[in-house]
Amino acid sequence: MRLITKNDILNQRQISKSVKEITINQFIDDAQVTDLLPLLGEAFYFTILADPTNFTDLLNEKQYVYDDVTITSPGLKKVLIDFATARYILHGSQTDTPFGMVEKQYQDGTQVSRTDKKERYKARQQTAMTLWYQVEKYLNRHTELYPKWNSGCTTKRRKFRINKISR
């Protein structure tokens, strides 16, 4: 089960509306398994997938009060949108043909360099991790609502290191 759809991404980030569902879905699936699963831990991840309707407060943006301050948790969907978009940025223009992977060339434009794609990919991943830290704080402050969070998690949580990108 996917926690987000192509329309969720289109509402948050600029991608081509002509992208086929099957194309964007592979990036959503990869982001869920590769990026989100290690952050949430296996037990909690699969609990959410089993019935996402029980986790609307966690999946969607939510405001809550902590230490007399109103804080906004962006929600797991927003985190996942940025992870999936990062993957799409890096690999979305490639098409599998009988002759191998190709990138289409257009008369009125030039291809974005691989270096530029990697920089955009890293920037989107950095945004996703920044959003994740807010969701993680929400989870840690509401552990009574999410008993599977942190319980029996055998997956080491991923650390994200931010490097300055220079030219």
C-alpha atoms as a PDB file:
ATOM      1  CA  MET A   1       0.000   0.000   0.000  1.00  0.00           C
ATOM      2  CA  ARG A   2       1.226   3.483  -0.853  1.00  0.00           C
ATOM      3  CA  LEU A   3       0.890   6.257   1.702  1.00  0.00           C
ATOM      4  CA  ILE A   4       0.929   8.982  -0.976  1.00  0.00           C
ATOM      5  CA  THR A   5      -0.217   9.325  -4.580  1.00  0.00           C
ATOM      6  CA  LYS A   6       0.877  11.220  -7.650  1.00  0.00           C
ATOM      7  CA  ASN A   7      -1.741  13.872  -6.824  1.00  0.00           C
ATOM      8  CA  ASP A   8      -0.254  14.337  -3.346  1.00  0.00           C
ATOM      9  CA  ILE A   9       3.098  15.065  -4.981  1.00  0.00           C
ATOM     10  CA  LEU A  10       1.541  17.390  -7.583  1.00  0.00           C
ATOM     11  CA  ASN A  11      -0.103  19.386  -4.763  1.00  0.00           C
ATOM     12  CA  GLN A  12       3.246  19.934  -3.004  1.00  0.00           C
ATOM     13  CA  ARG A  13       6.001  19.842  -5.629  1.00  0.00           C
ATOM     14  CA  GLN A  14       6.418  20.716  -9.252  1.00  0.00           C
ATOM     15  CA  ILE A  15       6.605  17.636 -11.420  1.00  0.00           C
ATOM     16  CA  SER A  16       5.183  17.079 -14.873  1.00  0.00           C
ATOM     17  CA  LYS A  17       1.470  16.293 -14.883  1.00  0.00           C
ATOM     18  CA  SER A  18       2.134  13.969 -17.819  1.00  0.00           C
ATOM     19  CA  VAL A  19       4.214  11.582 -15.695  1.00  0.00           C
ATOM     20  CA  LYS A  20       2.563   8.172 -15.804  1.00  0.00           C
ATOM     21  CA  GLU A  21       1.246   6.706 -12.543  1.00  0.00           C
ATOM     22  CA  ILE A  22       3.385   3.601 -13.005  1.00  0.00           C
ATOM     23  CA  THR A  23       6.503   5.776 -13.295  1.00  0.00           C
ATOM     24  CA  ILE A  24       5.905   7.896 -10.211  1.00  0.00           C
ATOM     25  CA  ASN A  25       4.629   4.924  -8.196  1.00  0.00           C
ATOM     26  CA  GLN A  26       7.993   3.173  -8.454  1.00  0.00           C
ATOM     27  CA  PHE A  27       9.647   6.203  -6.846  1.00  0.00           C
ATOM     28  CA  ILE A  28       6.980   6.305  -4.126  1.00  0.00           C
ATOM     29  CA  ASP A  29       7.478   2.593  -3.414  1.00  0.00           C
ATOM     30  CA  ASP A  30      11.259   2.977  -3.297  1.00  0.00           C
ATOM     31  CA  ALA A  31      11.026   5.993  -0.987  1.00  0.00           C
ATOM     32  CA  GLN A  32       8.690   4.181   1.392  1.00  0.00           C
ATOM     33  CA  VAL A  33      10.894   1.106   1.687  1.00  0.00           C
ATOM     34  CA  THR A  34      14.348   2.688   1.438  1.00  0.00           C
ATOM     35  CA  ASP A  35      13.828   6.019   3.198  1.00  0.00           C
ATOM     36  CA  LEU A  36      10.780   5.773   5.456  1.00  0.00           C
ATOM     37  CA  LEU A  37      10.993   2.184   6.757  1.00  0.00           C
ATOM     38  CA  PRO A  38      14.427   2.676   8.390  1.00  0.00           C
ATOM     39  CA  LEU A  39      13.250   5.900  10.052  1.00  0.00           C
ATOM     40  CA  LEU A  40      10.086   4.419  11.519  1.00  0.00           C
ATOM     41  CA  GLY A  41      11.309   0.924  12.325  1.00  0.00           C
ATOM     42  CA  GLU A  42       9.772  -2.234  10.964  1.00  0.00           C
ATOM     43  CA  ALA A  43       6.997  -2.762  13.530  1.00  0.00           C
ATOM     44  CA  PHE A  44       5.717   0.814  13.391  1.00  0.00           C
ATOM     45  CA  TYR A  45       6.042   1.088   9.594  1.00  0.00           C
ATOM     46  CA  PHE A  46       3.966  -2.032   8.962  1.00  0.00           C
ATOM     47  CA  THR A  47       1.413  -1.030  11.598  1.00  0.00           C
ATOM     48  CA  ILE A  48       0.870   2.228   9.715  1.00  0.00           C
ATOM     49  CA  LEU A  49       0.643   0.435   6.351  1.00  0.00           C
ATOM     50  CA  ALA A  50      -1.895  -2.042   7.726  1.00  0.00           C
ATOM     51  CA  ASP A  51      -4.408   0.731   8.391  1.00  0.00           C
ATOM     52  CA  PRO A  52      -3.308   4.291   7.525  1.00  0.00           C
ATOM     53  CA  THR A  53      -6.713   5.662   8.562  1.00  0.00           C
ATOM     54  CA  ASN A  54      -5.680   5.095  12.206  1.00  0.00           C
ATOM     55  CA  PHE A  55      -2.731   7.472  11.713  1.00  0.00           C
ATOM     56  CA  THR A  56      -4.214  10.569  10.069  1.00  0.00           C
ATOM     57  CA  ASP A  57      -2.716  12.837  12.760  1.00  0.00           C
ATOM     58  CA  LEU A  58       0.717  11.435  12.012  1.00  0.00           C
ATOM     59  CA  LEU A  59       0.371  11.310   8.227  1.00  0.00           C
ATOM     60  CA  ASN A  60      -1.020  14.810   7.771  1.00  0.00           C
ATOM     61  CA  GLU A  61       0.130  18.196   8.999  1.00  0.00           C
ATOM     62  CA  LYS A  62      -0.879  18.729  12.607  1.00  0.00           C
ATOM     63  CA  GLN A  63      -0.544  21.545  15.083  1.00  0.00           C
ATOM     64  CA  TYR A  64      -0.037  20.715  18.744  1.00  0.00           C
ATOM     65  CA  VAL A  65       0.985  22.574  21.875  1.00  0.00           C
ATOM     66  CA  TYR A  66       4.249  21.719  23.595  1.00  0.00           C
ATOM     67  CA  ASP A  67       5.726  23.810  26.421  1.00  0.00           C
ATOM     68  CA  ASP A  68       3.089  26.491  25.780  1.00  0.00           C
ATOM     69  CA  VAL A  69       4.195  26.839  22.133  1.00  0.00           C
ATOM     70  CA  THR A  70       2.076  25.866  19.149  1.00  0.00           C
ATOM     71  CA  ILE A  71       4.188  23.623  16.942  1.00  0.00           C
ATOM     72  CA  THR A  72       3.403  22.226  13.505  1.00  0.00           C
ATOM     73  CA  SER A  73       4.348  18.712  12.563  1.00  0.00           C
ATOM     74  CA  PRO A  74       4.447  18.518   8.750  1.00  0.00           C
ATOM     75  CA  GLY A  75       3.248  14.913   8.708  1.00  0.00           C
ATOM     76  CA  LEU A  76       4.756  11.766   7.247  1.00  0.00           C
ATOM     77  CA  LYS A  77       3.113  12.348   3.871  1.00  0.00           C
ATOM     78  CA  LYS A  78       5.092  15.541   3.364  1.00  0.00           C
ATOM     79  CA  VAL A  79       8.312  13.745   4.312  1.00  0.00           C
ATOM     80  CA  LEU A  80       7.528  10.933   1.892  1.00  0.00           C
ATOM     81  CA  ILE A  81       6.625  13.399  -0.878  1.00  0.00           C
ATOM     82  CA  ASP A  82      10.095  14.944  -0.635  1.00  0.00           C
ATOM     83  CA  PHE A  83      11.842  11.560  -0.558  1.00  0.00           C
ATOM     84  CA  ALA A  84       9.896  10.379  -3.627  1.00  0.00           C
ATOM     85  CA  THR A  85      10.438  13.682  -5.445  1.00  0.00           C
ATOM     86  CA  ALA A  86      14.178  13.446  -4.814  1.00  0.00           C
ATOM     87  CA  ARG A  87      14.219  10.023  -6.450  1.00  0.00           C
ATOM     88  CA  TYR A  88      12.147  11.314  -9.355  1.00  0.00           C
ATOM     89  CA  ILE A  89      14.543  14.246  -9.876  1.00  0.00           C
ATOM     90  CA  LEU A  90      17.525  11.922 -10.137  1.00  0.00           C
ATOM     91  CA  HIS A  91      15.998   9.121 -12.207  1.00  0.00           C
ATOM     92  CA  GLY A  92      12.655  10.327 -13.598  1.00  0.00           C
ATOM     93  CA  SER A  93      13.836  11.325 -17.058  1.00  0.00           C
ATOM     94  CA  GLN A  94      15.246   7.895 -17.853  1.00  0.00           C
ATOM     95  CA  THR A  95      13.265   5.456 -19.959  1.00  0.00           C
ATOM     96  CA  ASP A  96      13.919   1.769 -20.435  1.00  0.00           C
ATOM     97  CA  THR A  97      13.966   0.721 -24.100  1.00  0.00           C
ATOM     98  CA  PRO A  98      14.928  -2.526 -25.858  1.00  0.00           C
ATOM     99  CA  PHE A  99      18.327  -0.882 -26.416  1.00  0.00           C
ATOM    100  CA  GLY A 100      18.900   0.096 -22.767  1.00  0.00           C
ATOM    101  CA  MET A 101      18.193   3.123 -20.596  1.00  0.00           C
ATOM    102  CA  VAL A 102      17.858   6.409 -22.478  1.00  0.00           C
ATOM    103  CA  GLU A 103      17.055  10.034 -21.751  1.00  0.00           C
ATOM    104  CA  LYS A 104      14.999  11.820 -24.344  1.00  0.00           C
ATOM    105  CA  GLN A 105      16.502  14.857 -26.051  1.00  0.00           C
ATOM    106  CA  TYR A 106      14.276  17.773 -26.986  1.00  0.00           C
ATOM    107  CA  GLN A 107      14.819  20.347 -29.692  1.00  0.00           C
ATOM    108  CA  ASP A 108      13.786  23.295 -27.530  1.00  0.00           C
ATOM    109  CA  GLY A 109      15.701  22.403 -24.379  1.00  0.00           C
ATOM    110  CA  THR A 110      18.853  20.922 -22.974  1.00  0.00           C
ATOM    111  CA  GLN A 111      19.241  18.112 -20.487  1.00  0.00           C
ATOM    112  CA  VAL A 112      20.030  18.990 -16.892  1.00  0.00           C
ATOM    113  CA  SER A 113      23.504  17.733 -16.053  1.00  0.00           C
ATOM    114  CA  ARG A 114      23.927  14.717 -13.797  1.00  0.00           C
ATOM    115  CA  THR A 115      25.769  16.961 -11.314  1.00  0.00           C
ATOM    116  CA  ASP A 116      22.854  19.407 -11.169  1.00  0.00           C
ATOM    117  CA  LYS A 117      20.411  16.513 -10.722  1.00  0.00           C
ATOM    118  CA  LYS A 118      22.490  15.166  -7.831  1.00  0.00           C
ATOM    119  CA  GLU A 119      22.548  18.592  -6.157  1.00  0.00           C
ATOM    120  CA  ARG A 120      18.768  18.907  -6.491  1.00  0.00           C
ATOM    121  CA  TYR A 121      18.379  15.323  -5.236  1.00  0.00           C
ATOM    122  CA  LYS A 122      20.523  16.042  -2.169  1.00  0.00           C
ATOM    123  CA  ALA A 123      18.675  19.291  -1.482  1.00  0.00           C
ATOM    124  CA  ARG A 124      15.283  17.551  -1.637  1.00  0.00           C
ATOM    125  CA  GLN A 125      16.569  14.738   0.620  1.00  0.00           C
ATOM    126  CA  GLN A 126      17.841  17.353   3.066  1.00  0.00           C
ATOM    127  CA  THR A 127      14.402  18.975   3.111  1.00  0.00           C
ATOM    128  CA  ALA A 128      12.784  15.581   3.697  1.00  0.00           C
ATOM    129  CA  MET A 129      15.083  14.902   6.648  1.00  0.00           C
ATOM    130  CA  THR A 130      14.437  18.341   8.138  1.00  0.00           C
ATOM    131  CA  LEU A 131      10.706  17.653   7.931  1.00  0.00           C
ATOM    132  CA  TRP A 132      11.299  14.183   9.377  1.00  0.00           C
ATOM    133  CA  TYR A 133      12.988  15.653  12.451  1.00  0.00           C
ATOM    134  CA  GLN A 134       9.793  17.610  13.168  1.00  0.00           C
ATOM    135  CA  VAL A 135       7.672  14.467  12.765  1.00  0.00           C
ATOM    136  CA  GLU A 136      10.085  12.542  14.984  1.00  0.00           C
ATOM    137  CA  LYS A 137       9.739  15.197  17.702  1.00  0.00           C
ATOM    138  CA  TYR A 138       5.947  14.883  17.415  1.00  0.00           C
ATOM    139  CA  LEU A 139       6.230  11.099  17.812  1.00  0.00           C
ATOM    140  CA  ASN A 140       8.564  11.388  20.792  1.00  0.00           C
ATOM    141  CA  ARG A 141       6.209  13.875  22.464  1.00  0.00           C
ATOM    142  CA  HIS A 142       3.176  11.635  21.881  1.00  0.00           C
ATOM    143  CA  THR A 143       4.509   8.137  22.517  1.00  0.00           C
ATOM    144  CA  GLU A 144       1.319   7.189  24.362  1.00  0.00           C
ATOM    145  CA  LEU A 145      -0.608   7.559  21.083  1.00  0.00           C
ATOM    146  CA  TYR A 146       1.870   5.445  19.110  1.00  0.00           C
ATOM    147  CA  PRO A 147       2.923   2.440  21.210  1.00  0.00           C
ATOM    148  CA  LYS A 148       4.767   0.768  18.320  1.00  0.00           C
ATOM    149  CA  TRP A 149       7.018   3.796  17.890  1.00  0.00           C
ATOM    150  CA  ASN A 150      10.468   2.871  19.230  1.00  0.00           C
ATOM    151  CA  SER A 151       9.245  -0.456  20.611  1.00  0.00           C
ATOM    152  CA  GLY A 152      11.283  -3.401  19.416  1.00  0.00           C
ATOM    153  CA  CYS A 153      12.819  -1.397  16.603  1.00  0.00           C
ATOM    154  CA  THR A 154      15.737  -3.438  15.302  1.00  0.00           C
ATOM    155  CA  THR A 155      16.547  -1.083  12.464  1.00  0.00           C
ATOM    156  CA  LYS A 156      19.118   1.549  13.287  1.00  0.00           C
ATOM    157  CA  ARG A 157      17.698   4.989  12.602  1.00  0.00           C
ATOM    158  CA  ARG A 158      19.324   6.718   9.697  1.00  0.00           C
ATOM    159  CA  LYS A 159      21.469   9.740  10.418  1.00  0.00           C
ATOM    160  CA  PHE A 160      21.605  12.429   7.792  1.00  0.00           C
ATOM    161  CA  ARG A 161      24.687  14.542   7.452  1.00  0.00           C
ATOM    162  CA  ILE A 162      24.405  17.941   5.824  1.00  0.00           C
ATOM    163  CA  ASN A 163      27.353  19.017   3.702  1.00  0.00           C
ATOM    164  CA  LYS A 164      27.839  22.375   2.124  1.00  0.00           C
ATOM    165  CA  ILE A 165      27.626  22.130  -1.642  1.00  0.00           C
ATOM    166  CA  SER A 166      30.128  24.381  -3.327  1.00  0.00           C
ATOM    167  CA  ARG A 167      30.969  24.974  -6.945  1.00  0.00           C
END
